[in-house]
């Protein structure tokens, strides 16, 4: 007979959520032996399952405890500009995709895959790590679409080769579709699709037939398009229908709630937040690297949503 695991949380997280100090302050209380749970002195690292009968005290005083709120899956669509790194922290102080995103309380944004520093376009973020992992896994074969400007001689034989498959250093690869979109001379635009996200795969596929990529923009991930009118460096949170489309795509249960504001208020809030974020990040990116690093403390004052 299996035993259902208890839903425990770290004690400092429970007390911080209930407004009894920061996690760091509560850790010092624990180290000093000032906190007890059901009459027993608690220590740093203790985990507790909060029930109506749980009694947590600080210096003998009974504390009011706030139960954890239901975690709601959130998904963000971000228009990544060229020049930003897909990492949380860069030791050289270069701009990253996380610098611009709105701060969260009690959660964090997780990138769904990566885009090369010289690639722009749609990048999805979510607060659900399992959703991110499944969307990125090659077995799911989630389709990605890119707009590509290429330089070089292109003919039908090369297009067929790219669709039939070529051998790259990390294995065979191919485009699912290649569609001509226009252009003049040696510079032409194509839209291509593929169902995996290996490092620099789109660029390497074109290079394998002697063609150079001069511009690369991701315009779609699954059925989620790069939102029209979204500026570079701008973001927008996806609604319940699009979030559940992604969850069902990778066989996760659907959500019944969303934190996206009602449509009119959402447009007003989103426009103001994006405007501030783009302006702030443009200013930071133009500073010398040494000054960018010193400005990280200021970034903590970003809007929380």
Foldseek 3Di string as FASTA:
>chain_A
DDDDDADKDFPLVFCVVLPNDHSVVVQVQQCVQQKDWPPHGHHGPDIDRDDPPIFMDGNNHTDDTDDDDDDDKWKKKAWAAAQAFDDDDDPLLTHHLQLLDFAADPFDWDWLDTDPNRATAITMIMRDPVLSVLLQDLVLQWKWKKKWKKFDDDDPVLLVDQAVWDADPVGIHHWVDWAWDDDDDRIGIIMTMGRHDPDCVVQVSQVVVPMGTPYMYTQDTRNDGRDPPADHRAMAIDDQVVVQVSCVSRVHDGDPDDPQDPDVVNVVVRVVSRVVSVVVVVVLNPDRSVVSVVCVVVSVPGHYD
